[in-house]
């Protein structure tokens, strides 16, 4: 695992040197991924709040879609990819360890939601979604600018 992390970090460093526009590309890719996460969260919240029909299969699809969006997301936060249209606060890079822990907690919450949705247990799905929503909110409060 450490070797994989070191390899990814070195690759990201090479890309930053080789492609000065990587920070801009990373921002765009990151924004796309965050849009997916937000869209799925809103869809699930509508089911939890009773605005749309509750469907465990929709939760499973959403959780799997969110899992794919989270995969490699941290590599889309290279230094210098904040400011401008980015909602990312500069303190992400000052608190990288906490930020990565927040992302890991969110990924874990997505996995728990996917398992609950796969089993079709509505109560477990609601509980898992609540934990996921809290995880997202916690990170956003610390590390996201409101535009």
N, C-alpha and C. Protein backbone atom coordinates (compact mmCIF):
# COMPACT_ATOMS: atom_id res chain seq x y z
N UNK A 1 0.83 -1.18 0.00
CA UNK A 1 0.00 0.00 0.00
C UNK A 1 0.88 1.25 0.00
N UNK A 2 1.94 1.26 0.83
CA UNK A 2 2.84 2.40 0.88
C UNK A 2 3.51 2.60 -0.47
N UNK A 3 3.91 1.51 -1.12
CA UNK A 3 4.53 1.60 -2.42
C UNK A 3 3.58 2.20 -3.44
N UNK A 4 2.32 1.82 -3.38
CA UNK A 4 1.32 2.37 -4.29
C UNK A 4 1.17 3.87 -4.06
N UNK A 5 1.13 4.30 -2.79
CA UNK A 5 0.99 5.72 -2.46
C UNK A 5 2.21 6.51 -2.96
N UNK A 6 3.40 5.97 -2.73
CA UNK A 6 4.63 6.64 -3.17
C UNK A 6 4.65 6.73 -4.69
N UNK A 7 4.27 5.67 -5.37
CA UNK A 7 4.25 5.67 -6.83
C UNK A 7 3.27 6.71 -7.36
N UNK A 8 2.08 6.78 -6.78
CA UNK A 8 1.09 7.76 -7.22
C UNK A 8 1.59 9.17 -6.96
N UNK A 9 2.22 9.39 -5.80
CA UNK A 9 2.73 10.72 -5.47
C UNK A 9 3.83 11.12 -6.45
N UNK A 10 4.72 10.19 -6.76
CA UNK A 10 5.78 10.50 -7.72
C UNK A 10 5.21 10.77 -9.10
N UNK A 11 4.24 9.99 -9.52
CA UNK A 11 3.61 10.19 -10.81
C UNK A 11 2.93 11.56 -10.86
N UNK A 12 2.24 11.90 -9.79
CA UNK A 12 1.57 13.21 -9.74
C UNK A 12 2.60 14.33 -9.81
N UNK A 13 3.74 14.18 -9.14
CA UNK A 13 4.80 15.20 -9.20
C UNK A 13 5.34 15.35 -10.61
N UNK A 14 5.56 14.23 -11.28
CA UNK A 14 6.05 14.27 -12.66
C UNK A 14 5.04 14.96 -13.56
N UNK A 15 3.77 14.64 -13.38
CA UNK A 15 2.73 15.28 -14.19
C UNK A 15 2.68 16.78 -13.96
N UNK A 16 2.87 17.19 -12.72
CA UNK A 16 2.85 18.62 -12.42
C UNK A 16 4.00 19.34 -13.11
N UNK A 17 5.16 18.70 -13.15
CA UNK A 17 6.32 19.30 -13.82
C UNK A 17 6.15 19.24 -15.33
N UNK A 18 5.69 18.11 -15.83
CA UNK A 18 5.58 17.92 -17.28
C UNK A 18 4.42 18.71 -17.88
N UNK A 19 3.37 18.92 -17.13
CA UNK A 19 2.19 19.59 -17.63
C UNK A 19 1.78 20.71 -16.69
N UNK A 20 2.23 21.94 -16.95
CA UNK A 20 1.90 23.05 -16.06
C UNK A 20 0.40 23.24 -15.89
N UNK A 21 -0.39 22.78 -16.84
CA UNK A 21 -1.83 22.98 -16.73
C UNK A 21 -2.50 21.87 -15.92
N UNK A 22 -1.72 20.95 -15.33
CA UNK A 22 -2.31 19.85 -14.58
C UNK A 22 -3.23 20.35 -13.48
N UNK A 23 -2.84 21.43 -12.79
CA UNK A 23 -3.70 21.93 -11.71
C UNK A 23 -5.07 22.31 -12.26
N UNK A 24 -5.11 22.92 -13.45
CA UNK A 24 -6.39 23.28 -14.06
C UNK A 24 -7.17 22.03 -14.47
N UNK A 25 -6.49 21.06 -15.06
CA UNK A 25 -7.15 19.82 -15.45
C UNK A 25 -7.66 19.08 -14.23
N UNK A 26 -6.86 19.05 -13.17
CA UNK A 26 -7.27 18.39 -11.94
C UNK A 26 -8.50 19.06 -11.37
N UNK A 27 -8.52 20.39 -11.39
CA UNK A 27 -9.68 21.12 -10.90
C UNK A 27 -10.93 20.72 -11.68
N UNK A 28 -10.82 20.66 -13.00
CA UNK A 28 -11.98 20.32 -13.83
C UNK A 28 -12.46 18.90 -13.56
N UNK A 29 -11.53 17.96 -13.48
CA UNK A 29 -11.90 16.57 -13.19
C UNK A 29 -12.50 16.45 -11.79
N UNK A 30 -11.91 17.16 -10.84
CA UNK A 30 -12.41 17.15 -9.47
C UNK A 30 -13.83 17.71 -9.41
N UNK A 31 -14.06 18.81 -10.13
CA UNK A 31 -15.40 19.41 -10.15
C UNK A 31 -16.42 18.44 -10.74
N UNK A 32 -16.04 17.70 -11.77
CA UNK A 32 -16.95 16.71 -12.36
C UNK A 32 -17.29 15.63 -11.33
N UNK A 33 -16.28 15.16 -10.62
CA UNK A 33 -16.50 14.11 -9.62
C UNK A 33 -17.38 14.62 -8.49
N UNK A 34 -17.13 15.83 -8.04
CA UNK A 34 -17.94 16.40 -6.96
C UNK A 34 -19.39 16.60 -7.40
N UNK A 35 -19.58 16.92 -8.66
CA UNK A 35 -20.93 17.07 -9.19
C UNK A 35 -21.66 15.73 -9.13
N UNK A 36 -20.97 14.65 -9.47
CA UNK A 36 -21.57 13.31 -9.39
C UNK A 36 -21.95 13.00 -7.95
N UNK A 37 -21.03 13.27 -7.01
CA UNK A 37 -21.30 12.99 -5.60
C UNK A 37 -22.51 13.79 -5.13
N UNK A 38 -22.58 15.05 -5.50
CA UNK A 38 -23.69 15.90 -5.10
C UNK A 38 -25.01 15.44 -5.70
N UNK A 39 -24.99 15.07 -6.97
CA UNK A 39 -26.21 14.62 -7.64
C UNK A 39 -26.76 13.35 -6.99
N UNK A 40 -25.89 12.41 -6.71
CA UNK A 40 -26.33 11.16 -6.09
C UNK A 40 -26.84 11.41 -4.67
N UNK A 41 -26.16 12.29 -3.93
CA UNK A 41 -26.60 12.60 -2.57
C UNK A 41 -27.98 13.24 -2.58
N UNK A 42 -28.22 14.16 -3.50
CA UNK A 42 -29.53 14.82 -3.59
C UNK A 42 -30.62 13.81 -3.95
N UNK A 43 -30.32 12.90 -4.84
CA UNK A 43 -31.30 11.88 -5.22
C UNK A 43 -31.65 11.00 -4.04
N UNK A 44 -30.63 10.59 -3.29
CA UNK A 44 -30.86 9.75 -2.12
C UNK A 44 -31.61 10.52 -1.04
N UNK A 45 -31.25 11.77 -0.83
CA UNK A 45 -31.92 12.59 0.19
C UNK A 45 -33.40 12.73 -0.13
N UNK A 46 -33.73 12.85 -1.40
CA UNK A 46 -35.14 12.96 -1.79
C UNK A 46 -35.90 11.69 -1.41
N UNK A 47 -35.26 10.53 -1.54
CA UNK A 47 -35.91 9.29 -1.14
C UNK A 47 -36.06 9.21 0.37
N UNK A 48 -35.02 9.59 1.09
CA UNK A 48 -35.05 9.54 2.55
C UNK A 48 -36.12 10.49 3.10
N UNK A 49 -36.28 11.63 2.48
CA UNK A 49 -37.25 12.63 2.94
C UNK A 49 -38.66 12.38 2.42
N UNK A 50 -38.83 11.34 1.60
CA UNK A 50 -40.16 10.98 1.12
C UNK A 50 -40.65 11.80 -0.06
N UNK A 51 -39.77 12.55 -0.69
CA UNK A 51 -40.16 13.34 -1.86
C UNK A 51 -40.22 12.49 -3.12
N UNK A 52 -39.46 11.39 -3.12
CA UNK A 52 -39.52 10.43 -4.22
C UNK A 52 -39.65 9.04 -3.59
N UNK A 53 -40.04 8.08 -4.42
CA UNK A 53 -40.24 6.71 -3.93
C UNK A 53 -38.91 6.10 -3.47
N UNK A 54 -38.94 5.46 -2.31
CA UNK A 54 -37.77 4.81 -1.75
C UNK A 54 -37.48 3.55 -2.56
N UNK A 55 -36.24 3.42 -3.05
CA UNK A 55 -35.87 2.27 -3.87
C UNK A 55 -34.44 1.86 -3.52
N UNK A 56 -34.30 0.70 -2.91
CA UNK A 56 -32.98 0.21 -2.50
C UNK A 56 -32.04 0.08 -3.70
N UNK A 57 -32.56 -0.32 -4.85
CA UNK A 57 -31.72 -0.46 -6.04
C UNK A 57 -31.15 0.89 -6.47
N UNK A 58 -31.93 1.95 -6.32
CA UNK A 58 -31.43 3.29 -6.64
C UNK A 58 -30.32 3.69 -5.67
N UNK A 59 -30.45 3.31 -4.41
CA UNK A 59 -29.39 3.58 -3.45
C UNK A 59 -28.13 2.81 -3.82
N UNK A 60 -28.28 1.57 -4.21
CA UNK A 60 -27.12 0.77 -4.59
C UNK A 60 -26.44 1.38 -5.81
N UNK A 61 -27.22 1.73 -6.82
CA UNK A 61 -26.65 2.36 -8.01
C UNK A 61 -25.92 3.65 -7.61
N UNK A 62 -26.58 4.47 -6.81
CA UNK A 62 -25.98 5.73 -6.39
C UNK A 62 -24.70 5.54 -5.61
N UNK A 63 -24.70 4.57 -4.69
CA UNK A 63 -23.51 4.31 -3.89
C UNK A 63 -22.36 3.82 -4.77
N UNK A 64 -22.66 2.97 -5.74
CA UNK A 64 -21.61 2.49 -6.65
C UNK A 64 -21.09 3.63 -7.52
N UNK A 65 -21.97 4.49 -7.97
CA UNK A 65 -21.58 5.65 -8.77
C UNK A 65 -20.70 6.58 -7.92
N UNK A 66 -21.07 6.77 -6.66
CA UNK A 66 -20.27 7.60 -5.76
C UNK A 66 -18.90 6.96 -5.50
N UNK A 67 -18.88 5.65 -5.35
CA UNK A 67 -17.62 4.95 -5.14
C UNK A 67 -16.66 5.20 -6.31
N UNK A 68 -17.19 5.11 -7.51
CA UNK A 68 -16.35 5.38 -8.70
C UNK A 68 -15.86 6.82 -8.70
N UNK A 69 -16.71 7.76 -8.30
CA UNK A 69 -16.31 9.16 -8.27
C UNK A 69 -15.23 9.41 -7.23
N UNK A 70 -15.26 8.67 -6.14
CA UNK A 70 -14.26 8.85 -5.07
C UNK A 70 -12.91 8.21 -5.42
N UNK A 71 -12.94 7.21 -6.29
CA UNK A 71 -11.72 6.49 -6.64
C UNK A 71 -10.69 7.44 -7.25
N UNK A 72 -9.58 7.62 -6.58
CA UNK A 72 -8.51 8.48 -7.07
C UNK A 72 -8.76 9.97 -6.90
N UNK A 73 -9.80 10.33 -6.17
CA UNK A 73 -10.17 11.73 -6.03
C UNK A 73 -9.06 12.57 -5.40
N UNK A 74 -8.36 12.04 -4.42
CA UNK A 74 -7.33 12.81 -3.75
C UNK A 74 -6.20 13.23 -4.70
N UNK A 75 -5.96 12.43 -5.74
CA UNK A 75 -4.93 12.81 -6.70
C UNK A 75 -5.36 14.01 -7.53
N UNK A 76 -6.62 14.37 -7.45
CA UNK A 76 -7.13 15.53 -8.18
C UNK A 76 -7.08 16.80 -7.33
N UNK A 77 -6.31 16.75 -6.26
CA UNK A 77 -6.10 17.90 -5.39
C UNK A 77 -4.61 18.25 -5.34
N UNK A 78 -3.97 18.48 -6.50
CA UNK A 78 -2.56 18.86 -6.44
C UNK A 78 -2.43 20.27 -5.86
N UNK A 79 -1.29 20.54 -5.27
CA UNK A 79 -1.04 21.88 -4.73
C UNK A 79 -1.25 22.91 -5.83
N UNK A 80 -1.88 24.00 -5.47
CA UNK A 80 -2.12 25.07 -6.44
C UNK A 80 -3.42 24.95 -7.19
N UNK A 81 -4.25 23.98 -6.84
CA UNK A 81 -5.50 23.79 -7.57
C UNK A 81 -6.69 24.38 -6.81
N UNK A 82 -6.43 25.46 -6.10
CA UNK A 82 -7.50 26.17 -5.41
C UNK A 82 -7.56 27.60 -5.95
N UNK A 83 -8.54 28.35 -5.49
CA UNK A 83 -8.71 29.72 -5.96
C UNK A 83 -9.55 29.74 -7.22
N UNK A 84 -9.79 30.91 -7.74
CA UNK A 84 -10.61 31.04 -8.94
C UNK A 84 -11.99 30.47 -8.72
N UNK A 85 -12.41 29.60 -9.63
CA UNK A 85 -13.73 28.97 -9.54
C UNK A 85 -13.77 27.77 -8.60
N UNK A 86 -12.63 27.37 -8.10
CA UNK A 86 -12.57 26.20 -7.22
C UNK A 86 -13.22 26.51 -5.88
N UNK A 87 -13.96 25.55 -5.37
CA UNK A 87 -14.56 25.68 -4.04
C UNK A 87 -13.60 25.20 -2.95
N UNK A 88 -12.46 24.67 -3.34
CA UNK A 88 -11.50 24.13 -2.39
C UNK A 88 -10.82 25.25 -1.62
N UNK A 89 -10.82 25.12 -0.29
CA UNK A 89 -10.11 26.09 0.55
C UNK A 89 -8.62 25.76 0.54
N UNK A 90 -7.80 26.78 0.62
CA UNK A 90 -6.34 26.59 0.62
C UNK A 90 -5.89 25.76 1.81
N UNK A 91 -6.65 25.76 2.90
CA UNK A 91 -6.21 25.02 4.09
C UNK A 91 -6.25 23.51 3.90
N UNK A 92 -6.81 23.05 2.78
CA UNK A 92 -6.75 21.60 2.49
C UNK A 92 -5.30 21.13 2.53
N UNK A 93 -4.41 21.87 1.90
CA UNK A 93 -3.03 21.45 1.76
C UNK A 93 -2.24 21.67 3.04
N UNK A 94 -2.72 22.56 3.93
CA UNK A 94 -2.09 22.75 5.24
C UNK A 94 -2.51 21.65 6.21
N UNK A 95 -3.65 21.03 5.93
CA UNK A 95 -4.21 19.98 6.79
C UNK A 95 -4.43 18.70 5.99
N UNK A 96 -3.47 18.37 5.14
CA UNK A 96 -3.63 17.27 4.22
C UNK A 96 -4.00 15.96 4.92
N UNK A 97 -3.36 15.69 6.06
CA UNK A 97 -3.63 14.43 6.76
C UNK A 97 -5.09 14.36 7.19
N UNK A 98 -5.63 15.44 7.75
CA UNK A 98 -7.03 15.46 8.15
C UNK A 98 -7.94 15.37 6.93
N UNK A 99 -7.59 16.09 5.88
CA UNK A 99 -8.39 16.07 4.66
C UNK A 99 -8.47 14.67 4.08
N UNK A 100 -7.35 13.97 4.04
CA UNK A 100 -7.37 12.60 3.50
C UNK A 100 -8.15 11.67 4.43
N UNK A 101 -8.10 11.92 5.74
CA UNK A 101 -8.89 11.12 6.68
C UNK A 101 -10.38 11.36 6.45
N UNK A 102 -10.75 12.61 6.17
CA UNK A 102 -12.15 12.93 5.87
C UNK A 102 -12.60 12.19 4.60
N UNK A 103 -11.75 12.21 3.58
CA UNK A 103 -12.09 11.53 2.33
C UNK A 103 -12.22 10.03 2.55
N UNK A 104 -11.34 9.47 3.37
CA UNK A 104 -11.39 8.04 3.67
C UNK A 104 -12.67 7.69 4.43
N UNK A 105 -13.06 8.55 5.37
CA UNK A 105 -14.30 8.32 6.12
C UNK A 105 -15.51 8.36 5.18
N UNK A 106 -15.49 9.26 4.22
CA UNK A 106 -16.58 9.34 3.25
C UNK A 106 -16.62 8.08 2.38
N UNK A 107 -15.47 7.65 1.93
CA UNK A 107 -15.42 6.42 1.12
C UNK A 107 -15.93 5.22 1.91
N UNK A 108 -15.56 5.16 3.19
CA UNK A 108 -16.04 4.07 4.04
C UNK A 108 -17.56 4.13 4.20
N UNK A 109 -18.09 5.36 4.38
CA UNK A 109 -19.54 5.53 4.54
C UNK A 109 -20.27 5.12 3.26
N UNK A 110 -19.68 5.39 2.12
CA UNK A 110 -20.27 4.97 0.84
C UNK A 110 -20.32 3.45 0.76
N UNK A 111 -19.24 2.80 1.20
CA UNK A 111 -19.20 1.33 1.17
C UNK A 111 -20.27 0.73 2.08
N UNK A 112 -20.44 1.30 3.26
CA UNK A 112 -21.47 0.81 4.19
C UNK A 112 -22.85 0.99 3.57
N UNK A 113 -23.06 2.12 2.92
CA UNK A 113 -24.35 2.37 2.26
C UNK A 113 -24.58 1.35 1.15
N UNK A 114 -23.57 1.07 0.37
CA UNK A 114 -23.70 0.09 -0.73
C UNK A 114 -24.07 -1.29 -0.19
N UNK A 115 -23.46 -1.69 0.91
CA UNK A 115 -23.76 -2.99 1.51
C UNK A 115 -25.20 -3.02 2.00
N UNK A 116 -25.62 -1.96 2.69
CA UNK A 116 -27.00 -1.90 3.19
C UNK A 116 -28.00 -1.93 2.03
N UNK A 117 -27.68 -1.17 0.98
CA UNK A 117 -28.59 -1.13 -0.18
C UNK A 117 -28.65 -2.48 -0.88
N UNK A 118 -27.53 -3.17 -0.96
CA UNK A 118 -27.50 -4.48 -1.60
C UNK A 118 -28.37 -5.48 -0.83
N UNK A 119 -28.43 -5.32 0.48
CA UNK A 119 -29.27 -6.20 1.31
C UNK A 119 -30.73 -5.77 1.27
N UNK A 120 -30.99 -4.52 0.85
CA UNK A 120 -32.36 -4.04 0.72
C UNK A 120 -33.04 -3.66 2.02
N UNK A 121 -32.29 -3.51 3.09
CA UNK A 121 -32.85 -3.18 4.39
C UNK A 121 -33.03 -1.66 4.49
N UNK A 122 -34.29 -1.22 4.41
CA UNK A 122 -34.56 0.22 4.38
C UNK A 122 -34.03 0.96 5.61
N UNK A 123 -34.21 0.38 6.78
CA UNK A 123 -33.74 1.04 8.00
C UNK A 123 -32.21 1.19 7.97
N UNK A 124 -31.51 0.13 7.56
CA UNK A 124 -30.05 0.19 7.48
C UNK A 124 -29.60 1.19 6.41
N UNK A 125 -30.33 1.27 5.31
CA UNK A 125 -30.01 2.22 4.24
C UNK A 125 -30.15 3.65 4.78
N UNK A 126 -31.25 3.92 5.45
CA UNK A 126 -31.48 5.26 6.00
C UNK A 126 -30.37 5.65 6.99
N UNK A 127 -30.01 4.70 7.85
CA UNK A 127 -28.97 4.96 8.83
C UNK A 127 -27.62 5.20 8.14
N UNK A 128 -27.29 4.38 7.17
CA UNK A 128 -26.03 4.52 6.45
C UNK A 128 -25.99 5.83 5.66
N UNK A 129 -27.12 6.20 5.07
CA UNK A 129 -27.17 7.46 4.33
C UNK A 129 -26.97 8.64 5.28
N UNK A 130 -27.55 8.58 6.46
CA UNK A 130 -27.37 9.64 7.45
C UNK A 130 -25.91 9.83 7.81
N UNK A 131 -25.21 8.72 8.01
CA UNK A 131 -23.77 8.80 8.33
C UNK A 131 -22.98 9.36 7.15
N UNK A 132 -23.35 8.96 5.94
CA UNK A 132 -22.68 9.50 4.75
C UNK A 132 -22.90 11.01 4.65
N UNK A 133 -24.12 11.44 4.84
CA UNK A 133 -24.43 12.87 4.75
C UNK A 133 -23.63 13.66 5.78
N UNK A 134 -23.51 13.13 7.00
CA UNK A 134 -22.72 13.80 8.04
C UNK A 134 -21.25 13.88 7.65
N UNK A 135 -20.75 12.82 7.04
CA UNK A 135 -19.35 12.80 6.62
C UNK A 135 -19.10 13.87 5.55
N UNK A 136 -19.99 13.94 4.59
CA UNK A 136 -19.85 14.96 3.53
C UNK A 136 -19.91 16.36 4.12
N UNK A 137 -20.90 16.59 4.98
CA UNK A 137 -21.07 17.92 5.58
C UNK A 137 -19.87 18.32 6.41
N UNK A 138 -19.31 17.40 7.15
CA UNK A 138 -18.16 17.68 8.00
C UNK A 138 -16.97 18.17 7.16
N UNK A 139 -16.73 17.49 6.08
CA UNK A 139 -15.61 17.87 5.20
C UNK A 139 -15.90 19.21 4.52
N UNK A 140 -17.12 19.39 4.06
CA UNK A 140 -17.47 20.64 3.38
C UNK A 140 -17.34 21.84 4.32
N UNK A 141 -17.75 21.69 5.56
CA UNK A 141 -17.64 22.80 6.52
C UNK A 141 -16.19 23.24 6.67
N UNK A 142 -15.29 22.28 6.70
CA UNK A 142 -13.87 22.61 6.91
C UNK A 142 -13.17 23.06 5.63
N UNK A 143 -13.47 22.42 4.52
CA UNK A 143 -12.59 22.53 3.36
C UNK A 143 -13.24 23.05 2.07
N UNK A 144 -14.49 23.47 2.14
CA UNK A 144 -15.16 23.94 0.92
C UNK A 144 -15.66 25.36 1.09
N UNK A 145 -15.32 26.21 0.13
CA UNK A 145 -15.87 27.56 0.07
C UNK A 145 -17.23 27.51 -0.56
N UNK A 146 -18.14 28.30 -0.05
CA UNK A 146 -19.45 28.41 -0.67
C UNK A 146 -19.38 29.46 -1.77
N UNK A 147 -19.87 29.12 -2.94
CA UNK A 147 -19.87 30.09 -4.05
C UNK A 147 -21.26 30.61 -4.26
